[in-house]
Amino acid sequence: MATLVKRKNGSFEVHFYDQGSRKYVTLGKKYSAKTATTLKETVETLLYYKNNGISAPDKRVAVWIQEAPMEIQDKLANVGLIGSVCHFGA
């Protein structure tokens, strides 16, 4: 499960636990609430796949990741959600 947090400065963060460690993906103020919500749902899906040994995400998730800005792809890779689950991003 992931949690979407809106900070006082208007930016968003997605908080989640992965293998007992608290992790988060931050988004700048330039991203909309809709993008932040979709990112939260994507993080939840990728965590489910990772925890259940599913090697490739469904088409909807894969397309969203491919179309996401490289900044978001890099953030997902930095927290270990892509690269080990699918091959997008850095």
C-alpha atoms as a PDB file:
ATOM      1  CA  MET A   1       0.000   0.000   0.000  1.00  0.00           C
ATOM      2  CA  ALA A   2       1.188   3.489  -0.841  1.00  0.00           C
ATOM      3  CA  THR A   3       0.139   6.837   0.578  1.00  0.00           C
ATOM      4  CA  LEU A   4      -0.091  10.104  -1.331  1.00  0.00           C
ATOM      5  CA  VAL A   5       1.008  13.138   0.677  1.00  0.00           C
ATOM      6  CA  LYS A   6       0.593  16.750  -0.382  1.00  0.00           C
ATOM      7  CA  ARG A   7       3.250  18.923   1.215  1.00  0.00           C
ATOM      8  CA  LYS A   8       2.687  22.493   2.397  1.00  0.00           C
ATOM      9  CA  ASN A   9       4.639  23.822  -0.588  1.00  0.00           C
ATOM     10  CA  GLY A  10       2.190  22.143  -3.007  1.00  0.00           C
ATOM     11  CA  SER A  11       4.416  19.252  -4.082  1.00  0.00           C
ATOM     12  CA  PHE A  12       3.448  15.602  -3.705  1.00  0.00           C
ATOM     13  CA  GLU A  13       5.158  12.542  -2.242  1.00  0.00           C
ATOM     14  CA  VAL A  14       4.237   8.888  -2.508  1.00  0.00           C
ATOM     15  CA  HIS A  15       5.244   6.983   0.651  1.00  0.00           C
ATOM     16  CA  PHE A  16       5.427   3.193   0.774  1.00  0.00           C
ATOM     17  CA  TYR A  17       7.187   0.268   2.440  1.00  0.00           C
ATOM     18  CA  ASP A  18       9.306  -2.137   0.435  1.00  0.00           C
ATOM     19  CA  GLN A  19      10.808  -5.122   2.231  1.00  0.00           C
ATOM     20  CA  GLY A  20      10.405  -3.410   5.596  1.00  0.00           C
ATOM     21  CA  SER A  21      12.025  -0.134   4.560  1.00  0.00           C
ATOM     22  CA  ARG A  22      10.084   3.095   4.245  1.00  0.00           C
ATOM     23  CA  LYS A  23      10.671   4.686   0.866  1.00  0.00           C
ATOM     24  CA  TYR A  24       9.220   7.616  -0.981  1.00  0.00           C
ATOM     25  CA  VAL A  25       9.028   9.189  -4.417  1.00  0.00           C
ATOM     26  CA  THR A  26       8.843  12.965  -4.479  1.00  0.00           C
ATOM     27  CA  LEU A  27       7.241  15.026  -7.205  1.00  0.00           C
ATOM     28  CA  GLY A  28       7.847  18.712  -7.734  1.00  0.00           C
ATOM     29  CA  LYS A  29       5.081  21.306  -7.781  1.00  0.00           C
ATOM     30  CA  LYS A  30       4.969  21.109 -11.571  1.00  0.00           C
ATOM     31  CA  TYR A  31       3.076  17.797 -11.405  1.00  0.00           C
ATOM     32  CA  SER A  32      -0.702  17.734 -11.040  1.00  0.00           C
ATOM     33  CA  ALA A  33      -2.736  15.904  -8.429  1.00  0.00           C
ATOM     34  CA  LYS A  34      -3.891  13.555 -11.198  1.00  0.00           C
ATOM     35  CA  THR A  35      -0.294  12.621 -12.053  1.00  0.00           C
ATOM     36  CA  ALA A  36       0.484  12.136  -8.368  1.00  0.00           C
ATOM     37  CA  THR A  37      -2.563   9.884  -7.923  1.00  0.00           C
ATOM     38  CA  THR A  38      -1.622   7.837 -10.980  1.00  0.00           C
ATOM     39  CA  LEU A  39       1.943   7.526  -9.675  1.00  0.00           C
ATOM     40  CA  LYS A  40       0.603   6.261  -6.326  1.00  0.00           C
ATOM     41  CA  GLU A  41      -1.504   3.628  -8.113  1.00  0.00           C
ATOM     42  CA  THR A  42       1.480   2.657 -10.264  1.00  0.00           C
ATOM     43  CA  VAL A  43       3.705   2.289  -7.199  1.00  0.00           C
ATOM     44  CA  GLU A  44       1.094   0.035  -5.567  1.00  0.00           C
ATOM     45  CA  THR A  45       0.882  -2.109  -8.698  1.00  0.00           C
ATOM     46  CA  LEU A  46       4.672  -2.370  -9.057  1.00  0.00           C
ATOM     47  CA  LEU A  47       5.002  -3.332  -5.381  1.00  0.00           C
ATOM     48  CA  TYR A  48       2.381  -6.039  -5.852  1.00  0.00           C
ATOM     49  CA  TYR A  49       4.236  -7.409  -8.874  1.00  0.00           C
ATOM     50  CA  LYS A  50       7.600  -7.259  -7.123  1.00  0.00           C
ATOM     51  CA  ASN A  51       6.302  -8.982  -3.979  1.00  0.00           C
ATOM     52  CA  ASN A  52       4.568 -11.718  -5.985  1.00  0.00           C
ATOM     53  CA  GLY A  53       7.358 -12.493  -8.446  1.00  0.00           C
ATOM     54  CA  ILE A  54       5.561 -11.116 -11.483  1.00  0.00           C
ATOM     55  CA  SER A  55       8.249 -10.088 -13.944  1.00  0.00           C
ATOM     56  CA  ALA A  56       6.327  -7.809 -16.306  1.00  0.00           C
ATOM     57  CA  PRO A  57       3.634  -5.236 -15.562  1.00  0.00           C
ATOM     58  CA  ASP A  58       0.313  -5.182 -17.374  1.00  0.00           C
ATOM     59  CA  LYS A  59       0.077  -3.109 -20.534  1.00  0.00           C
ATOM     60  CA  ARG A  60      -1.581  -0.110 -18.847  1.00  0.00           C
ATOM     61  CA  VAL A  61       1.216   0.228 -16.278  1.00  0.00           C
ATOM     62  CA  ALA A  62       3.947  -0.384 -18.852  1.00  0.00           C
ATOM     63  CA  VAL A  63       2.551   2.303 -21.166  1.00  0.00           C
ATOM     64  CA  TRP A  64       2.214   4.804 -18.313  1.00  0.00           C
ATOM     65  CA  ILE A  65       5.828   4.227 -17.281  1.00  0.00           C
ATOM     66  CA  GLN A  66       7.071   4.522 -20.854  1.00  0.00           C
ATOM     67  CA  GLU A  67       5.172   7.789 -21.332  1.00  0.00           C
ATOM     68  CA  ALA A  68       6.142   9.239 -17.943  1.00  0.00           C
ATOM     69  CA  PRO A  69       8.846  11.893 -17.896  1.00  0.00           C
ATOM     70  CA  MET A  70      12.355  10.504 -17.496  1.00  0.00           C
ATOM     71  CA  GLU A  71      12.481  12.245 -14.097  1.00  0.00           C
ATOM     72  CA  ILE A  72       9.669  10.016 -12.817  1.00  0.00           C
ATOM     73  CA  GLN A  73      11.195   6.909 -14.402  1.00  0.00           C
ATOM     74  CA  ASP A  74      14.494   7.710 -12.666  1.00  0.00           C
ATOM     75  CA  LYS A  75      12.731   8.128  -9.321  1.00  0.00           C
ATOM     76  CA  LEU A  76      11.010   4.751  -9.720  1.00  0.00           C
ATOM     77  CA  ALA A  77      14.330   3.146 -10.628  1.00  0.00           C
ATOM     78  CA  ASN A  78      16.080   4.777  -7.649  1.00  0.00           C
ATOM     79  CA  VAL A  79      13.648   3.143  -5.209  1.00  0.00           C
ATOM     80  CA  GLY A  80      13.944  -0.224  -6.962  1.00  0.00           C
ATOM     81  CA  LEU A  81      10.489  -0.415  -8.504  1.00  0.00           C
ATOM     82  CA  ILE A  82      11.571  -0.545 -12.116  1.00  0.00           C
ATOM     83  CA  GLY A  83      14.616  -2.245 -13.439  1.00  0.00           C
ATOM     84  CA  SER A  84      13.932  -5.249 -11.221  1.00  0.00           C
ATOM     85  CA  VAL A  85      10.284  -5.404 -12.323  1.00  0.00           C
ATOM     86  CA  CYS A  86      10.504  -4.040 -15.853  1.00  0.00           C
ATOM     87  CA  HIS A  87      13.069  -2.444 -18.101  1.00  0.00           C
ATOM     88  CA  PHE A  88      12.256   1.239 -18.301  1.00  0.00           C
ATOM     89  CA  GLY A  89      14.158   4.204 -16.929  1.00  0.00           C
ATOM     90  CA  ALA A  90      17.808   4.442 -16.067  1.00  0.00           C
END
